[in-house]
C-alpha atoms as a PDB file:
ATOM      1  CA  MET A   1      29.880  92.773  74.995  1.00  0.00           C
ATOM      2  CA  ALA A   2      31.922  90.493  77.527  1.00  0.00           C
ATOM      3  CA  PHE A   3      35.121  88.349  76.244  1.00  0.00           C
ATOM      4  CA  ASN A   4      35.941  85.043  77.719  1.00  0.00           C
ATOM      5  CA  GLN A   5      39.405  83.597  78.009  1.00  0.00           C
ATOM      6  CA  LYS A   6      39.154  81.373  74.860  1.00  0.00           C
ATOM      7  CA  GLN A   7      37.771  84.319  72.659  1.00  0.00           C
ATOM      8  CA  ILE A   8      40.580  86.246  73.982  1.00  0.00           C
ATOM      9  CA  GLY A   9      43.375  83.960  72.923  1.00  0.00           C
ATOM     10  CA  ASN A  10      41.508  83.073  69.464  1.00  0.00           C
ATOM     11  CA  THR A  11      41.620  86.931  68.814  1.00  0.00           C
ATOM     12  CA  PHE A  12      45.342  86.934  70.222  1.00  0.00           C
ATOM     13  CA  GLU A  13      46.216  84.151  67.355  1.00  0.00           C
ATOM     14  CA  ARG A  14      44.449  85.604  64.650  1.00  0.00           C
ATOM     15  CA  LYS A  15      46.388  89.277  65.706  1.00  0.00           C
ATOM     16  CA  ILE A  16      49.728  87.501  65.525  1.00  0.00           C
ATOM     17  CA  ALA A  17      49.190  85.776  62.222  1.00  0.00           C
ATOM     18  CA  LYS A  18      48.095  89.231  60.789  1.00  0.00           C
ATOM     19  CA  GLU A  19      51.242  90.739  62.548  1.00  0.00           C
ATOM     20  CA  LEU A  20      53.617  87.854  61.532  1.00  0.00           C
ATOM     21  CA  SER A  21      52.085  88.121  57.813  1.00  0.00           C
ATOM     22  CA  LEU A  22      52.843  91.154  57.488  1.00  0.00           C
ATOM     23  CA  TRP A  23      56.195  91.819  58.863  1.00  0.00           C
ATOM     24  CA  ILE A  24      57.686  88.447  56.420  1.00  0.00           C
ATOM     25  CA  TRP A  25      55.893  88.519  53.688  1.00  0.00           C
ATOM     26  CA  ASN A  26      53.891  92.448  53.346  1.00  0.00           C
ATOM     27  CA  ASP A  27      50.568  90.843  53.195  1.00  0.00           C
ATOM     28  CA  PRO A  28      48.217  90.392  55.962  1.00  0.00           C
ATOM     29  CA  HIS A  29      46.909  87.101  54.438  1.00  0.00           C
ATOM     30  CA  VAL A  30      49.594  84.753  54.361  1.00  0.00           C
ATOM     31  CA  LEU A  31      49.477  83.040  57.973  1.00  0.00           C
ATOM     32  CA  LYS A  32      45.930  81.888  59.715  1.00  0.00           C
ATOM     33  CA  ARG A  33      45.022  80.956  62.807  1.00  0.00           C
ATOM     34  CA  GLU A  34      44.409  77.335  62.578  1.00  0.00           C
ATOM     35  CA  PRO A  35      40.685  76.807  64.246  1.00  0.00           C
ATOM     36  CA  THR A  36      40.896  74.440  66.273  1.00  0.00           C
ATOM     37  CA  SER A  37      44.053  75.671  68.137  1.00  0.00           C
ATOM     38  CA  GLY A  38      45.810  73.878  66.523  1.00  0.00           C
ATOM     39  CA  ALA A  39      44.543  70.362  67.110  1.00  0.00           C
ATOM     40  CA  VAL A  40      43.734  69.733  63.667  1.00  0.00           C
ATOM     41  CA  LYS A  41      46.771  68.429  61.958  1.00  0.00           C
ATOM     42  CA  THR A  42      46.649  68.746  58.078  1.00  0.00           C
ATOM     43  CA  VAL A  43      49.689  70.102  55.855  1.00  0.00           C
ATOM     44  CA  TYR A  44      51.150  72.527  58.383  1.00  0.00           C
ATOM     45  CA  TYR A  45      51.687  71.991  62.714  1.00  0.00           C
ATOM     46  CA  GLY A  46      50.859  74.678  65.621  1.00  0.00           C
ATOM     47  CA  ASP A  47      48.675  76.929  65.538  1.00  0.00           C
ATOM     48  CA  ILE A  48      49.967  79.446  63.221  1.00  0.00           C
ATOM     49  CA  TYR A  49      50.386  78.316  59.700  1.00  0.00           C
ATOM     50  CA  PRO A  50      50.510  79.830  56.208  1.00  0.00           C
ATOM     51  CA  ILE A  51      47.172  79.717  53.726  1.00  0.00           C
ATOM     52  CA  LYS A  52      49.210  81.204  50.848  1.00  0.00           C
ATOM     53  CA  ASP A  53      52.272  80.251  48.798  1.00  0.00           C
ATOM     54  CA  THR A  54      55.185  81.581  50.718  1.00  0.00           C
ATOM     55  CA  GLY A  55      57.529  81.798  47.644  1.00  0.00           C
ATOM     56  CA  TRP A  56      59.820  79.651  49.666  1.00  0.00           C
ATOM     57  CA  ASP A  57      60.807  75.997  48.575  1.00  0.00           C
ATOM     58  CA  HIS A  58      60.175  75.309  52.991  1.00  0.00           C
ATOM     59  CA  TYR A  59      57.857  76.780  55.392  1.00  0.00           C
ATOM     60  CA  PRO A  60      60.765  75.726  58.858  1.00  0.00           C
ATOM     61  CA  PHE A  61      57.943  77.483  61.273  1.00  0.00           C
ATOM     62  CA  TYR A  62      56.384  75.463  64.308  1.00  0.00           C
ATOM     63  CA  MET A  63      53.824  78.196  66.148  1.00  0.00           C
ATOM     64  CA  GLU A  64      52.851  78.283  68.587  1.00  0.00           C
ATOM     65  CA  VAL A  65      50.712  81.098  70.513  1.00  0.00           C
ATOM     66  CA  LYS A  66      49.411  81.744  74.134  1.00  0.00           C
ATOM     67  CA  HIS A  67      47.113  84.561  76.259  1.00  0.00           C
ATOM     68  CA  GLY A  68      46.734  84.899  79.892  1.00  0.00           C
ATOM     69  CA  TYR A  69      48.158  82.417  82.444  1.00  0.00           C
ATOM     70  CA  GLU A  70      48.672  85.322  84.440  1.00  0.00           C
ATOM     71  CA  LYS A  71      48.748  82.425  87.876  1.00  0.00           C
ATOM     72  CA  ASN A  72      51.144  80.621  85.591  1.00  0.00           C
ATOM     73  CA  LEU A  73      53.586  84.316  84.776  1.00  0.00           C
ATOM     74  CA  PRO A  74      57.047  83.124  83.905  1.00  0.00           C
ATOM     75  CA  THR A  75      60.375  84.119  86.521  1.00  0.00           C
ATOM     76  CA  LEU A  76      63.840  83.833  86.110  1.00  0.00           C
ATOM     77  CA  PHE A  77      63.000  81.345  88.544  1.00  0.00           C
ATOM     78  CA  ASN A  78      59.680  79.737  87.692  1.00  0.00           C
ATOM     79  CA  PHE A  79      59.358  79.369  84.144  1.00  0.00           C
ATOM     80  CA  ASN A  80      57.397  75.216  84.275  1.00  0.00           C
ATOM     81  CA  ILE A  81      54.850  76.759  82.180  1.00  0.00           C
ATOM     82  CA  ILE A  82      57.133  78.097  79.656  1.00  0.00           C
ATOM     83  CA  LYS A  83      58.997  74.157  79.743  1.00  0.00           C
ATOM     84  CA  THR A  84      55.537  73.015  79.662  1.00  0.00           C
ATOM     85  CA  TRP A  85      54.462  74.746  76.573  1.00  0.00           C
ATOM     86  CA  TRP A  86      58.250  74.197  74.999  1.00  0.00           C
ATOM     87  CA  TYR A  87      57.523  70.391  75.881  1.00  0.00           C
ATOM     88  CA  LYS A  88      54.556  70.288  73.610  1.00  0.00           C
ATOM     89  CA  CYS A  89      56.054  72.437  70.779  1.00  0.00           C
ATOM     90  CA  VAL A  90      59.092  69.964  70.610  1.00  0.00           C
ATOM     91  CA  LEU A  91      56.898  66.358  70.057  1.00  0.00           C
ATOM     92  CA  GLU A  92      54.971  67.664  67.752  1.00  0.00           C
ATOM     93  CA  SER A  93      57.311  69.803  65.455  1.00  0.00           C
ATOM     94  CA  SER A  94      59.241  66.928  65.426  1.00  0.00           C
ATOM     95  CA  GLN A  95      56.096  64.945  63.793  1.00  0.00           C
ATOM     96  CA  SER A  96      56.142  67.536  61.218  1.00  0.00           C
ATOM     97  CA  ASN A  97      57.068  68.101  57.836  1.00  0.00           C
ATOM     98  CA  GLY A  98      60.435  69.918  58.298  1.00  0.00           C
ATOM     99  CA  GLN A  99      58.571  72.929  60.512  1.00  0.00           C
ATOM    100  CA  ASP A 100      61.772  72.720  63.087  1.00  0.00           C
ATOM    101  CA  ILE A 101      62.250  76.252  64.280  1.00  0.00           C
ATOM    102  CA  ILE A 102      60.232  77.098  67.266  1.00  0.00           C
ATOM    103  CA  LEU A 103      58.378  80.022  67.939  1.00  0.00           C
ATOM    104  CA  LEU A 104      56.361  80.682  71.021  1.00  0.00           C
ATOM    105  CA  ILE A 105      54.303  83.416  71.156  1.00  0.00           C
ATOM    106  CA  TYR A 106      53.059  84.465  74.775  1.00  0.00           C
ATOM    107  CA  ASN A 107      51.156  87.380  76.194  1.00  0.00           C
ATOM    108  CA  PRO A 108      50.680  86.804  79.916  1.00  0.00           C
ATOM    109  CA  THR A 109      48.117  89.620  79.757  1.00  0.00           C
ATOM    110  CA  GLY A 110      47.453  92.880  77.847  1.00  0.00           C
ATOM    111  CA  LYS A 111      49.753  94.779  80.192  1.00  0.00           C
ATOM    112  CA  ARG A 112      52.607  93.383  79.610  1.00  0.00           C
ATOM    113  CA  GLY A 113      54.904  92.295  77.031  1.00  0.00           C
ATOM    114  CA  VAL A 114      54.741  90.465  74.510  1.00  0.00           C
ATOM    115  CA  ILE A 115      57.845  87.139  74.328  1.00  0.00           C
ATOM    116  CA  LEU A 116      59.309  85.181  71.515  1.00  0.00           C
ATOM    117  CA  ALA A 117      60.698  81.852  72.839  1.00  0.00           C
ATOM    118  CA  THR A 118      63.115  80.184  70.114  1.00  0.00           C
ATOM    119  CA  ASN A 119      65.343  77.627  69.518  1.00  0.00           C
ATOM    120  CA  GLN A 120      67.419  79.924  67.323  1.00  0.00           C
ATOM    121  CA  LEU A 121      69.400  82.685  68.647  1.00  0.00           C
ATOM    122  CA  LEU A 122      68.457  85.840  65.919  1.00  0.00           C
ATOM    123  CA  ASN A 123      70.441  88.448  64.871  1.00  0.00           C
ATOM    124  CA  ILE A 124      68.854  90.426  67.751  1.00  0.00           C
ATOM    125  CA  PRO A 125      69.610  90.897  71.427  1.00  0.00           C
ATOM    126  CA  TYR A 126      67.701  88.637  73.485  1.00  0.00           C
ATOM    127  CA  THR A 127      66.338  89.223  76.829  1.00  0.00           C
ATOM    128  CA  CYS A 128      67.702  85.560  78.655  1.00  0.00           C
ATOM    129  CA  ILE A 129      68.592  82.207  77.778  1.00  0.00           C
ATOM    130  CA  LEU A 130      66.394  79.603  79.294  1.00  0.00           C
ATOM    131  CA  ASN A 131      68.231  76.287  79.321  1.00  0.00           C
ATOM    132  CA  ILE A 132      65.117  73.600  78.606  1.00  0.00           C
ATOM    133  CA  GLU A 133      66.493  70.613  77.325  1.00  0.00           C
ATOM    134  CA  PRO A 134      66.739  69.142  74.591  1.00  0.00           C
ATOM    135  CA  HIS A 135      67.420  73.172  73.748  1.00  0.00           C
ATOM    136  CA  LEU A 136      68.454  76.505  74.828  1.00  0.00           C
ATOM    137  CA  VAL A 137      65.259  78.394  74.402  1.00  0.00           C
ATOM    138  CA  TYR A 138      66.021  82.269  73.677  1.00  0.00           C
ATOM    139  CA  ILE A 139      63.744  84.675  75.065  1.00  0.00           C
ATOM    140  CA  TYR A 140      62.936  87.766  72.838  1.00  0.00           C
ATOM    141  CA  ASP A 141      60.941  90.905  72.983  1.00  0.00           C
ATOM    142  CA  TYR A 142      58.397  89.838  70.410  1.00  0.00           C
ATOM    143  CA  LYS A 143      57.330  93.213  69.931  1.00  0.00           C
ATOM    144  CA  LYS A 144      60.722  95.132  69.744  1.00  0.00           C
ATOM    145  CA  MET A 145      61.412  92.432  67.147  1.00  0.00           C
ATOM    146  CA  ILE A 146      58.640  93.173  65.297  1.00  0.00           C
ATOM    147  CA  SER A 147      58.809  96.824  64.982  1.00  0.00           C
ATOM    148  CA  ASP A 148      62.496  97.608  65.142  1.00  0.00           C
ATOM    149  CA  TYR A 149      63.490  94.953  62.874  1.00  0.00           C
ATOM    150  CA  ASP A 150      62.884  93.493  59.321  1.00  0.00           C
ATOM    151  CA  PHE A 151      62.336  89.937  59.417  1.00  0.00           C
ATOM    152  CA  GLU A 152      65.849  89.102  56.618  1.00  0.00           C
ATOM    153  CA  THR A 153      67.826  91.160  59.508  1.00  0.00           C
ATOM    154  CA  VAL A 154      66.350  88.720  62.465  1.00  0.00           C
ATOM    155  CA  PHE A 155      66.525  85.142  60.470  1.00  0.00           C
ATOM    156  CA  LYS A 156      69.025  85.716  58.352  1.00  0.00           C
END
């Protein structure tokens, strides 16, 4: 069965939700992909949000997940696609109830690495820093982060 880009993106969002749920809570069912790709705003904003009790007083993450967009593959000299998504993240997270840690997870293709762009300086080495007003945006290797480090170390 052939997959179209929307199906591939939806599958990628579900995969990221499960990976992060396992990484943070050791439970694959805490986070869920928003079925309308973040279009419906209920309690949480973004593509991925908790559906179970996190055990936290406050859920701080706004998560945007992207897959594909090979024609717009970012480089250090041209990261316009990241800027466009980043501004959307900043706008929507500002409308949320305190989801001020932005996690933009992007997989340009299945062959390249997955990146994490965030407004947080994490406790692991970053790949690069982009100055996208109003933030410095730190770029990390997503796969390395979840395979080599535990959540508590990264987000102290």
